[in-house]
Each structure stands twice: as structure tokens, then as C-alpha cells.
């Protein structure tokens, strides 16, 4: 549309409603013309790129926590180390959640549900680590036996919450996404 015809069209629009309808229509055409969210392969690559460092970090933190639990340290040292480790897991989970959310919604049937499921799962994991960190911070490190009993209780609860927050992929009905996760190098 030429500049003159755009100006003439705008001049004919005398009511705010007409302007709103025109803007809404233009926006819908622009958004509709974009073809929706990222293609399945691009989305899967983005998600796996976000999750790969998270998995590595969680694995490292889990190993460090196990070492911490068997190391000969004072309860105060153990508390400090566990709070730091759990805070790291919480932070890593938030980074992964944020990156998965930034990946958008895959352009497949049910893509919004899939994307929401990934983000919800990572949010729950982040929150579980955060609650565990707060619980450890609240423990009295003055007496070893009650402190370590408390740590054991907190870690058992963390394990339960972590397992409950795991993404249920059994309902992933998109063959396109299944194939994408199997095919893209970032997911291998």
C-alpha cells in the first residue's frame, strides 16, 4: 500500500473503534503471517541447549552433596556447604526454566501444553531446591545429631518433591516433537 493510500485510509477512519479494528486486524495479520512458534526441531534444540548445562550442574551438585554428607566436617561447615549447593541447584534450575520459557511455544498441535509442562516442571524443581535451602538454613548446627537428622529429613523431602515435579512425557502426543528430540544433535 502506497503512502498516499495509507494516508487516505487513515483519514477515512473517523472513529476510535475503526482505528482499533484496523490495528487489531493488522496485528493479527502480522502475527498470523509469522507461522506461529518455532518449528519442532528448533524448539527441541533450544530446550535441550537449555537443559544440558542444567543436568550437568545438578549432577555435579548431587555428587558434591553426597560427598558433603559423608565428609568429616562440623555441622556448621556442613550447613554452609549444603546451603551453597542447594542455592546453586535453585539458581541452575531458574536459569534452565528461563531459557526454556524463552524458547517459546513449538509450532505443533498442543505446543502450548508441552511448553507449559516443561516450564512448570522446572519451576517446581527450582522451588523444591529453594525450600530445601531455606529448611537447611533454619536448622540449628549447634548439636550434631539433631542437625544431621534434620538434614536427612530435608533431603528426603527434596527427593520426594523433585520426583513429583518430573515432567510426564507419556502424554506428549506430538510425533513431530518426539522425532525432533530424537533427531537434533543438541538432545543427544
N, C-alpha and C. Protein backbone atom coordinates (compact mmCIF):
# COMPACT_ATOMS: atom_id res chain seq x y z
N UNK A 1 0.85 -1.16 0.00
CA UNK A 1 0.00 0.00 0.00
C UNK A 1 0.90 1.23 0.00
N UNK A 2 0.64 2.16 -0.92
CA UNK A 2 1.47 3.37 -1.00
C UNK A 2 1.17 4.29 0.17
N UNK A 3 2.08 5.21 0.36
CA UNK A 3 1.93 6.17 1.46
C UNK A 3 0.65 6.98 1.30
N UNK A 4 0.32 7.38 0.06
CA UNK A 4 -0.89 8.18 -0.18
C UNK A 4 -2.14 7.38 0.13
N UNK A 5 -2.18 6.11 -0.27
CA UNK A 5 -3.38 5.33 0.01
C UNK A 5 -3.50 5.02 1.50
N UNK A 6 -2.35 4.84 2.20
CA UNK A 6 -2.40 4.64 3.65
C UNK A 6 -2.96 5.88 4.34
N UNK A 7 -2.52 7.06 3.89
CA UNK A 7 -3.00 8.31 4.47
C UNK A 7 -4.49 8.47 4.22
N UNK A 8 -4.94 8.17 3.00
CA UNK A 8 -6.36 8.28 2.68
C UNK A 8 -7.18 7.32 3.52
N UNK A 9 -6.68 6.12 3.72
CA UNK A 9 -7.40 5.13 4.53
C UNK A 9 -7.50 5.61 5.97
N UNK A 10 -6.40 6.13 6.51
CA UNK A 10 -6.42 6.62 7.89
C UNK A 10 -7.37 7.81 8.05
N UNK A 11 -7.44 8.68 7.02
CA UNK A 11 -8.32 9.84 7.11
C UNK A 11 -9.78 9.41 7.09
N UNK A 12 -10.09 8.31 6.41
CA UNK A 12 -11.47 7.83 6.36
C UNK A 12 -11.90 7.24 7.70
N UNK A 13 -10.96 6.82 8.49
CA UNK A 13 -11.28 6.24 9.80
C UNK A 13 -11.53 7.38 10.76
N UNK A 14 -12.78 7.64 11.02
CA UNK A 14 -13.11 8.80 11.85
C UNK A 14 -13.40 8.42 13.30
N UNK A 15 -13.62 7.15 13.58
CA UNK A 15 -13.98 6.76 14.94
C UNK A 15 -12.83 5.99 15.59
N UNK A 16 -12.70 6.07 16.91
CA UNK A 16 -11.69 5.28 17.60
C UNK A 16 -11.90 3.78 17.37
N UNK A 17 -13.16 3.36 17.25
CA UNK A 17 -13.45 1.94 17.01
C UNK A 17 -12.86 1.49 15.68
N UNK A 18 -12.97 2.32 14.66
CA UNK A 18 -12.42 1.97 13.36
C UNK A 18 -10.91 1.84 13.43
N UNK A 19 -10.26 2.72 14.17
CA UNK A 19 -8.82 2.65 14.32
C UNK A 19 -8.44 1.37 15.06
N UNK A 20 -9.17 1.06 16.13
CA UNK A 20 -8.91 -0.15 16.90
C UNK A 20 -9.07 -1.40 16.05
N UNK A 21 -10.14 -1.44 15.26
CA UNK A 21 -10.37 -2.60 14.38
C UNK A 21 -9.23 -2.73 13.37
N UNK A 22 -8.81 -1.61 12.81
CA UNK A 22 -7.73 -1.65 11.81
C UNK A 22 -6.42 -2.13 12.44
N UNK A 23 -6.11 -1.60 13.63
CA UNK A 23 -4.88 -2.02 14.30
C UNK A 23 -4.92 -3.48 14.70
N UNK A 24 -6.06 -3.93 15.20
CA UNK A 24 -6.21 -5.33 15.60
C UNK A 24 -6.06 -6.24 14.39
N UNK A 25 -6.67 -5.86 13.28
CA UNK A 25 -6.58 -6.66 12.06
C UNK A 25 -5.13 -6.71 11.57
N UNK A 26 -4.45 -5.56 11.57
CA UNK A 26 -3.06 -5.53 11.13
C UNK A 26 -2.19 -6.40 12.02
N UNK A 27 -2.40 -6.32 13.34
CA UNK A 27 -1.63 -7.13 14.28
C UNK A 27 -1.88 -8.61 14.04
N UNK A 28 -3.13 -8.97 13.85
CA UNK A 28 -3.48 -10.38 13.61
C UNK A 28 -2.82 -10.89 12.33
N UNK A 29 -2.80 -10.04 11.31
CA UNK A 29 -2.17 -10.45 10.06
C UNK A 29 -0.66 -10.62 10.24
N UNK A 30 -0.05 -9.71 10.98
CA UNK A 30 1.39 -9.82 11.23
C UNK A 30 1.72 -11.06 12.02
N UNK A 31 0.98 -11.29 13.09
CA UNK A 31 1.23 -12.47 13.92
C UNK A 31 0.91 -13.75 13.14
N UNK A 32 -0.20 -13.74 12.45
CA UNK A 32 -0.59 -14.92 11.68
C UNK A 32 0.40 -15.21 10.58
N UNK A 33 1.00 -14.19 10.02
CA UNK A 33 1.95 -14.37 8.95
C UNK A 33 3.27 -14.95 9.42
N UNK A 34 3.50 -14.93 10.73
CA UNK A 34 4.76 -15.44 11.26
C UNK A 34 4.77 -16.96 11.35
N UNK A 35 3.62 -17.61 11.19
CA UNK A 35 3.58 -19.06 11.20
C UNK A 35 3.64 -19.67 12.59
N UNK A 36 3.31 -18.93 13.62
CA UNK A 36 3.29 -19.47 14.97
C UNK A 36 4.67 -19.48 15.59
N UNK A 37 4.87 -20.42 16.51
CA UNK A 37 6.13 -20.51 17.24
C UNK A 37 7.19 -21.20 16.42
N UNK A 38 8.29 -21.53 17.09
CA UNK A 38 9.39 -22.18 16.39
C UNK A 38 9.01 -23.58 15.91
N UNK A 39 9.65 -23.99 14.84
CA UNK A 39 9.44 -25.34 14.31
C UNK A 39 9.87 -26.36 15.37
N UNK A 40 9.33 -27.56 15.31
CA UNK A 40 9.64 -28.57 16.33
C UNK A 40 11.14 -28.80 16.54
N UNK A 41 11.90 -28.91 15.46
CA UNK A 41 13.34 -29.17 15.60
C UNK A 41 14.05 -28.00 16.28
N UNK A 42 13.69 -26.78 15.90
CA UNK A 42 14.32 -25.59 16.51
C UNK A 42 13.96 -25.52 17.99
N UNK A 43 12.69 -25.80 18.30
CA UNK A 43 12.27 -25.73 19.70
C UNK A 43 12.98 -26.79 20.54
N UNK A 44 13.04 -28.01 20.02
CA UNK A 44 13.71 -29.09 20.74
C UNK A 44 15.19 -28.76 20.95
N UNK A 45 15.84 -28.20 19.94
CA UNK A 45 17.25 -27.82 20.06
C UNK A 45 17.42 -26.76 21.15
N UNK A 46 16.54 -25.77 21.17
CA UNK A 46 16.62 -24.73 22.20
C UNK A 46 16.40 -25.30 23.60
N UNK A 47 15.44 -26.18 23.73
CA UNK A 47 15.15 -26.78 25.03
C UNK A 47 16.32 -27.64 25.51
N UNK A 48 16.84 -28.46 24.63
CA UNK A 48 17.97 -29.31 25.02
C UNK A 48 19.22 -28.49 25.32
N UNK A 49 19.41 -27.40 24.59
CA UNK A 49 20.53 -26.50 24.87
C UNK A 49 20.37 -25.88 26.26
N UNK A 50 19.14 -25.58 26.64
CA UNK A 50 18.88 -25.02 27.98
C UNK A 50 19.05 -26.07 29.07
N UNK A 51 18.66 -27.29 28.78
CA UNK A 51 18.67 -28.34 29.81
C UNK A 51 20.02 -29.02 29.99
N UNK A 52 20.85 -29.03 28.98
CA UNK A 52 22.13 -29.73 29.07
C UNK A 52 23.01 -29.19 30.20
N UNK A 53 23.27 -27.88 30.28
CA UNK A 53 24.09 -27.40 31.40
C UNK A 53 23.40 -27.58 32.75
N UNK A 54 22.08 -27.52 32.75
CA UNK A 54 21.33 -27.72 33.99
C UNK A 54 21.54 -29.14 34.51
N UNK A 55 21.41 -30.11 33.61
CA UNK A 55 21.62 -31.51 34.02
C UNK A 55 23.03 -31.72 34.57
N UNK A 56 24.01 -31.15 33.89
CA UNK A 56 25.39 -31.27 34.33
C UNK A 56 25.56 -30.64 35.71
N UNK A 57 25.00 -29.46 35.89
CA UNK A 57 25.10 -28.76 37.18
C UNK A 57 24.41 -29.54 38.29
N UNK A 58 23.23 -30.05 38.02
CA UNK A 58 22.50 -30.83 39.04
C UNK A 58 23.27 -32.09 39.39
N UNK A 59 23.82 -32.75 38.39
CA UNK A 59 24.61 -33.96 38.64
C UNK A 59 25.83 -33.64 39.50
N UNK A 60 26.52 -32.56 39.17
CA UNK A 60 27.69 -32.14 39.95
C UNK A 60 27.29 -31.80 41.38
N UNK A 61 26.21 -31.04 41.52
CA UNK A 61 25.75 -30.65 42.85
C UNK A 61 25.31 -31.86 43.67
N UNK A 62 24.66 -32.81 43.03
CA UNK A 62 24.23 -34.02 43.72
C UNK A 62 25.44 -34.79 44.23
N UNK A 63 26.45 -34.92 43.39
CA UNK A 63 27.67 -35.61 43.78
C UNK A 63 28.36 -34.88 44.94
N UNK A 64 28.42 -33.55 44.84
CA UNK A 64 29.04 -32.77 45.91
C UNK A 64 28.25 -32.90 47.21
N UNK A 65 26.93 -32.93 47.11
CA UNK A 65 26.11 -33.07 48.31
C UNK A 65 26.36 -34.43 48.97
N UNK A 66 26.44 -35.48 48.16
CA UNK A 66 26.72 -36.81 48.71
C UNK A 66 28.08 -36.83 49.38
N UNK A 67 29.07 -36.21 48.76
CA UNK A 67 30.40 -36.15 49.37
C UNK A 67 30.34 -35.36 50.67
N UNK A 68 29.58 -34.27 50.65
CA UNK A 68 29.45 -33.42 51.84
C UNK A 68 28.83 -34.21 52.99
N UNK A 69 27.86 -35.04 52.68
CA UNK A 69 27.15 -35.78 53.72
C UNK A 69 28.04 -36.84 54.36
N UNK A 70 29.06 -37.30 53.64
CA UNK A 70 29.94 -38.33 54.20
C UNK A 70 31.27 -37.75 54.69
N UNK A 71 31.52 -36.48 54.43
CA UNK A 71 32.78 -35.85 54.85
C UNK A 71 32.77 -35.58 56.35
N UNK A 72 33.94 -35.56 56.91
CA UNK A 72 34.10 -35.24 58.32
C UNK A 72 34.20 -33.71 58.45
N UNK A 73 33.07 -33.08 58.65
CA UNK A 73 33.04 -31.63 58.84
C UNK A 73 32.20 -31.33 60.07
N UNK A 74 32.29 -30.14 60.53
CA UNK A 74 31.42 -29.72 61.63
C UNK A 74 30.03 -29.49 61.07
N UNK A 75 29.01 -29.54 61.91
CA UNK A 75 27.66 -29.23 61.42
C UNK A 75 27.58 -27.83 60.79
N UNK A 76 28.28 -26.86 61.34
CA UNK A 76 28.26 -25.51 60.77
C UNK A 76 28.85 -25.49 59.37
N UNK A 77 29.96 -26.23 59.16
CA UNK A 77 30.55 -26.30 57.82
C UNK A 77 29.62 -27.03 56.86
N UNK A 78 29.02 -28.12 57.34
CA UNK A 78 28.09 -28.87 56.50
C UNK A 78 26.90 -28.00 56.11
N UNK A 79 26.39 -27.25 57.06
CA UNK A 79 25.25 -26.36 56.80
C UNK A 79 25.62 -25.34 55.73
N UNK A 80 26.76 -24.71 55.89
CA UNK A 80 27.21 -23.70 54.92
C UNK A 80 27.35 -24.31 53.53
N UNK A 81 27.96 -25.48 53.44
CA UNK A 81 28.17 -26.14 52.15
C UNK A 81 26.84 -26.56 51.52
N UNK A 82 25.95 -27.12 52.33
CA UNK A 82 24.66 -27.57 51.79
C UNK A 82 23.81 -26.39 51.31
N UNK A 83 23.83 -25.31 52.06
CA UNK A 83 23.08 -24.12 51.63
C UNK A 83 23.62 -23.62 50.29
N UNK A 84 24.94 -23.59 50.17
CA UNK A 84 25.55 -23.15 48.91
C UNK A 84 25.19 -24.10 47.76
N UNK A 85 25.26 -25.40 48.00
CA UNK A 85 24.95 -26.37 46.97
C UNK A 85 23.47 -26.29 46.55
N UNK A 86 22.59 -26.20 47.52
CA UNK A 86 21.16 -26.11 47.19
C UNK A 86 20.83 -24.79 46.50
N UNK A 87 21.49 -23.72 46.91
CA UNK A 87 21.31 -22.45 46.23
C UNK A 87 21.78 -22.52 44.78
N UNK A 88 22.87 -23.23 44.55
CA UNK A 88 23.36 -23.43 43.18
C UNK A 88 22.36 -24.21 42.34
N UNK A 89 21.75 -25.23 42.93
CA UNK A 89 20.75 -26.03 42.21
C UNK A 89 19.51 -25.18 41.92
N UNK A 90 19.13 -24.36 42.88
CA UNK A 90 17.99 -23.48 42.68
C UNK A 90 18.27 -22.50 41.54
N UNK A 91 19.45 -21.91 41.55
CA UNK A 91 19.84 -20.95 40.52
C UNK A 91 19.93 -21.62 39.14
N UNK A 92 20.53 -22.79 39.09
CA UNK A 92 20.65 -23.51 37.81
C UNK A 92 19.27 -23.88 37.27
N UNK A 93 18.36 -24.24 38.15
CA UNK A 93 17.00 -24.59 37.73
C UNK A 93 16.28 -23.36 37.19
N UNK A 94 16.48 -22.22 37.82
CA UNK A 94 15.85 -20.99 37.34
C UNK A 94 16.42 -20.58 35.98
N UNK A 95 17.72 -20.73 35.80
CA UNK A 95 18.32 -20.41 34.51
C UNK A 95 17.74 -21.30 33.41
N UNK A 96 17.64 -22.59 33.68
CA UNK A 96 17.07 -23.52 32.70
C UNK A 96 15.61 -23.19 32.45
N UNK A 97 14.85 -22.90 33.50
CA UNK A 97 13.43 -22.56 33.34
C UNK A 97 13.28 -21.32 32.47
N UNK A 98 14.07 -20.34 32.72
CA UNK A 98 14.00 -19.09 31.96
C UNK A 98 14.32 -19.33 30.48
N UNK A 99 15.34 -20.12 30.22
CA UNK A 99 15.73 -20.39 28.83
C UNK A 99 14.68 -21.24 28.11
N UNK A 100 14.09 -22.18 28.82
CA UNK A 100 13.02 -22.98 28.20
C UNK A 100 11.82 -22.10 27.91
N UNK A 101 11.51 -21.20 28.83
CA UNK A 101 10.40 -20.28 28.60
C UNK A 101 10.70 -19.38 27.39
N UNK A 102 11.94 -18.93 27.26
CA UNK A 102 12.34 -18.10 26.13
C UNK A 102 12.26 -18.86 24.80
N UNK A 103 12.33 -20.18 24.86
CA UNK A 103 12.25 -20.98 23.63
C UNK A 103 10.88 -20.83 22.98
N UNK A 104 9.90 -20.37 23.75
CA UNK A 104 8.57 -20.14 23.19
C UNK A 104 7.72 -21.39 23.16
N UNK A 105 6.76 -21.36 22.27
CA UNK A 105 5.81 -22.46 22.13
C UNK A 105 6.05 -23.12 20.78
N UNK A 106 6.31 -24.42 20.77
CA UNK A 106 6.57 -25.09 19.49
C UNK A 106 5.33 -25.06 18.60
N UNK A 107 5.58 -24.94 17.31
CA UNK A 107 4.50 -24.86 16.33
C UNK A 107 4.01 -26.27 15.99
N UNK A 108 3.32 -26.88 16.97
CA UNK A 108 2.71 -28.19 16.81
C UNK A 108 1.38 -28.17 17.55
N UNK A 109 0.51 -29.10 17.22
CA UNK A 109 -0.73 -29.23 17.98
C UNK A 109 -0.39 -29.53 19.43
N UNK A 110 -0.98 -28.79 20.33
CA UNK A 110 -0.72 -28.97 21.75
C UNK A 110 0.60 -28.38 22.21
N UNK A 111 1.22 -27.56 21.37
CA UNK A 111 2.53 -26.99 21.69
C UNK A 111 2.51 -26.17 22.96
N UNK A 112 1.44 -25.43 23.19
CA UNK A 112 1.35 -24.61 24.40
C UNK A 112 1.36 -25.48 25.65
N UNK A 113 0.66 -26.62 25.59
CA UNK A 113 0.63 -27.53 26.75
C UNK A 113 2.01 -28.12 27.01
N UNK A 114 2.72 -28.46 25.94
CA UNK A 114 4.05 -29.04 26.09
C UNK A 114 5.00 -28.01 26.70
N UNK A 115 5.00 -26.80 26.14
CA UNK A 115 5.89 -25.75 26.65
C UNK A 115 5.57 -25.43 28.10
N UNK A 116 4.28 -25.33 28.42
CA UNK A 116 3.86 -25.05 29.79
C UNK A 116 4.30 -26.17 30.72
N UNK A 117 4.21 -27.40 30.28
CA UNK A 117 4.63 -28.55 31.10
C UNK A 117 6.12 -28.49 31.44
N UNK A 118 6.95 -28.16 30.45
CA UNK A 118 8.39 -28.04 30.70
C UNK A 118 8.67 -26.94 31.71
N UNK A 119 8.06 -25.79 31.50
CA UNK A 119 8.30 -24.64 32.39
C UNK A 119 7.78 -24.95 33.80
N UNK A 120 6.61 -25.55 33.89
CA UNK A 120 6.03 -25.89 35.19
C UNK A 120 6.92 -26.88 35.94
N UNK A 121 7.45 -27.85 35.25
CA UNK A 121 8.32 -28.84 35.88
C UNK A 121 9.59 -28.20 36.42
N UNK A 122 10.22 -27.35 35.62
CA UNK A 122 11.44 -26.68 36.07
C UNK A 122 11.15 -25.70 37.20
N UNK A 123 10.00 -25.07 37.17
CA UNK A 123 9.61 -24.17 38.25
C UNK A 123 9.47 -24.95 39.56
N UNK A 124 8.82 -26.10 39.48
CA UNK A 124 8.64 -26.93 40.68
C UNK A 124 9.99 -27.42 41.22
N UNK A 125 10.90 -27.76 40.32
CA UNK A 125 12.23 -28.21 40.77
C UNK A 125 12.99 -27.06 41.42
N UNK A 126 12.93 -25.90 40.79
CA UNK A 126 13.58 -24.72 41.37
C UNK A 126 13.05 -24.44 42.77
N UNK A 127 11.72 -24.49 42.89
CA UNK A 127 11.09 -24.20 44.18
C UNK A 127 11.44 -25.27 45.23
N UNK A 128 11.55 -26.52 44.81
CA UNK A 128 11.92 -27.58 45.75
C UNK A 128 13.33 -27.34 46.29
N UNK A 129 14.25 -26.97 45.42
CA UNK A 129 15.61 -26.65 45.88
C UNK A 129 15.59 -25.43 46.81
N UNK A 130 14.80 -24.44 46.47
CA UNK A 130 14.72 -23.24 47.31
C UNK A 130 14.17 -23.56 48.69
N UNK A 131 13.13 -24.38 48.76
CA UNK A 131 12.58 -24.76 50.07
C UNK A 131 13.59 -25.57 50.88
N UNK A 132 14.30 -26.46 50.20
CA UNK A 132 15.31 -27.26 50.91
C UNK A 132 16.41 -26.35 51.44
N UNK A 133 16.83 -25.39 50.65
CA UNK A 133 17.87 -24.44 51.10
C UNK A 133 17.39 -23.68 52.34
N UNK A 134 16.16 -23.20 52.29
CA UNK A 134 15.61 -22.46 53.43
C UNK A 134 15.50 -23.35 54.67
N UNK A 135 15.11 -24.59 54.45
CA UNK A 135 14.99 -25.52 55.59
C UNK A 135 16.36 -25.79 56.23
N UNK A 136 17.39 -25.97 55.39
CA UNK A 136 18.73 -26.20 55.93
C UNK A 136 19.20 -24.95 56.68
N UNK A 137 18.92 -23.78 56.10
CA UNK A 137 19.30 -22.53 56.77
C UNK A 137 18.66 -22.42 58.15
N UNK A 138 17.47 -22.99 58.30
CA UNK A 138 16.75 -22.90 59.56
C UNK A 138 17.18 -23.92 60.59
N UNK A 139 18.02 -24.86 60.22
CA UNK A 139 18.46 -25.88 61.18
C UNK A 139 19.52 -25.31 62.11
N UNK A 140 19.47 -25.76 63.36
CA UNK A 140 20.46 -25.37 64.36
C UNK A 140 21.67 -26.29 64.23
N UNK A 141 22.80 -25.71 63.86
CA UNK A 141 24.02 -26.50 63.69
C UNK A 141 24.80 -26.65 64.99
N UNK A 142 24.19 -26.26 66.09
CA UNK A 142 24.87 -26.31 67.39
C UNK A 142 25.04 -27.72 67.93
N UNK A 143 24.12 -28.62 67.57
CA UNK A 143 24.19 -30.01 68.06
C UNK A 143 24.15 -30.93 66.85
N UNK A 144 25.16 -31.76 66.72
CA UNK A 144 25.36 -32.57 65.53
C UNK A 144 24.21 -33.52 65.23
N UNK A 145 23.81 -34.35 66.19
CA UNK A 145 22.80 -35.37 65.90
C UNK A 145 21.47 -34.76 65.43
N UNK A 146 20.90 -33.80 66.15
CA UNK A 146 19.65 -33.21 65.65
C UNK A 146 19.83 -32.50 64.30
N UNK A 147 21.01 -31.89 64.12
CA UNK A 147 21.25 -31.21 62.84
C UNK A 147 21.22 -32.22 61.69
N UNK A 148 21.98 -33.30 61.81
CA UNK A 148 22.06 -34.28 60.72
C UNK A 148 20.74 -35.02 60.52
N UNK A 149 19.98 -35.22 61.61
CA UNK A 149 18.63 -35.78 61.44
C UNK A 149 17.76 -34.83 60.63
N UNK A 150 17.90 -33.53 60.92
CA UNK A 150 17.15 -32.53 60.16
C UNK A 150 17.56 -32.49 58.70
N UNK A 151 18.86 -32.60 58.45
CA UNK A 151 19.35 -32.61 57.07
C UNK A 151 18.78 -33.82 56.33
N UNK A 152 18.80 -34.96 56.98
CA UNK A 152 18.26 -36.17 56.34
C UNK A 152 16.78 -35.98 56.00
N UNK A 153 16.03 -35.40 56.90
CA UNK A 153 14.60 -35.15 56.66
C UNK A 153 14.40 -34.18 55.49
N UNK A 154 15.19 -33.11 55.48
CA UNK A 154 15.08 -32.12 54.40
C UNK A 154 15.42 -32.76 53.06
N UNK A 155 16.48 -33.54 53.01
CA UNK A 155 16.90 -34.16 51.76
C UNK A 155 15.89 -35.21 51.28
N UNK A 156 15.27 -35.93 52.21
CA UNK A 156 14.22 -36.88 51.82
C UNK A 156 13.02 -36.14 51.22
N UNK A 157 12.66 -35.03 51.84
CA UNK A 157 11.55 -34.23 51.31
C UNK A 157 11.91 -33.67 49.94
N UNK A 158 13.15 -33.21 49.78
CA UNK A 158 13.60 -32.70 48.49
C UNK A 158 13.49 -33.78 47.42
N UNK A 159 13.92 -34.98 47.74
CA UNK A 159 13.85 -36.08 46.78
C UNK A 159 12.40 -36.34 46.36
N UNK A 160 11.49 -36.35 47.33
CA UNK A 160 10.08 -36.57 47.04
C UNK A 160 9.53 -35.46 46.14
N UNK A 161 9.80 -34.20 46.51
CA UNK A 161 9.31 -33.08 45.71
C UNK A 161 9.92 -33.07 44.31
N UNK A 162 11.19 -33.40 44.22
CA UNK A 162 11.88 -33.44 42.94
C UNK A 162 11.23 -34.49 42.04
N UNK A 163 11.00 -35.67 42.59
CA UNK A 163 10.37 -36.74 41.81
C UNK A 163 8.95 -36.37 41.38
N UNK A 164 8.22 -35.69 42.24
CA UNK A 164 6.86 -35.27 41.89
C UNK A 164 6.84 -34.21 40.80
N UNK A 165 7.90 -33.44 40.69
CA UNK A 165 7.93 -32.36 39.70
C UNK A 165 8.43 -32.81 38.34
N UNK A 166 8.85 -34.04 38.23
CA UNK A 166 9.37 -34.52 36.96
C UNK A 166 8.31 -34.41 35.87
N UNK A 167 8.76 -34.03 34.69
CA UNK A 167 7.86 -33.87 33.56
C UNK A 167 7.35 -35.23 33.10
N UNK A 168 6.04 -35.34 32.99
CA UNK A 168 5.43 -36.57 32.50
C UNK A 168 5.36 -36.49 30.98
N UNK A 169 6.27 -37.19 30.32
CA UNK A 169 6.32 -37.15 28.85
C UNK A 169 5.42 -38.21 28.22
N UNK A 170 4.74 -38.99 29.04
CA UNK A 170 3.87 -40.03 28.47
C UNK A 170 2.70 -39.42 27.71
N UNK A 171 2.36 -38.17 28.03
CA UNK A 171 1.24 -37.54 27.33
C UNK A 171 1.71 -36.67 26.16
N UNK A 172 2.98 -36.75 25.81
CA UNK A 172 3.50 -35.99 24.68
C UNK A 172 2.98 -36.63 23.40
N UNK A 173 1.92 -36.04 22.86
CA UNK A 173 1.24 -36.61 21.71
C UNK A 173 1.80 -36.16 20.37
N UNK A 174 2.76 -35.31 20.37
CA UNK A 174 3.28 -34.77 19.12
C UNK A 174 4.39 -35.65 18.56
N UNK A 175 4.07 -36.31 17.48
CA UNK A 175 5.08 -37.13 16.79
C UNK A 175 6.21 -36.25 16.29
N UNK A 176 5.85 -35.02 15.87
CA UNK A 176 6.87 -34.08 15.37
C UNK A 176 7.89 -33.75 16.46
N UNK A 177 7.41 -33.51 17.69
CA UNK A 177 8.34 -33.20 18.78
C UNK A 177 9.14 -34.42 19.21
N UNK A 178 8.49 -35.57 19.24
CA UNK A 178 9.23 -36.79 19.59
C UNK A 178 10.37 -37.00 18.61
N UNK A 179 10.05 -36.87 17.33
CA UNK A 179 11.08 -37.04 16.30
C UNK A 179 12.17 -35.98 16.44
N UNK A 180 11.76 -34.75 16.72
CA UNK A 180 12.73 -33.66 16.86
C UNK A 180 13.69 -33.94 18.02
N UNK A 181 13.16 -34.36 19.17
CA UNK A 181 14.03 -34.66 20.30
C UNK A 181 14.98 -35.82 20.01
N UNK A 182 14.53 -36.75 19.17
CA UNK A 182 15.39 -37.88 18.80
C UNK A 182 16.45 -37.49 17.77
N UNK A 183 16.15 -36.48 16.94
CA UNK A 183 16.99 -36.16 15.80
C UNK A 183 18.01 -35.04 16.03
N UNK A 184 17.66 -34.03 16.79
CA UNK A 184 18.57 -32.88 16.88
C UNK A 184 19.81 -33.23 17.70
N UNK A 185 20.96 -32.79 17.25
CA UNK A 185 22.22 -33.14 17.95
C UNK A 185 22.27 -32.60 19.38
N UNK A 186 21.62 -31.48 19.65
CA UNK A 186 21.64 -30.90 20.99
C UNK A 186 20.99 -31.80 22.03
N UNK A 187 20.17 -32.73 21.59
CA UNK A 187 19.44 -33.61 22.51
C UNK A 187 20.10 -34.98 22.67
N UNK A 188 21.21 -35.16 22.06
CA UNK A 188 21.86 -36.48 22.16
C UNK A 188 22.88 -36.53 23.26
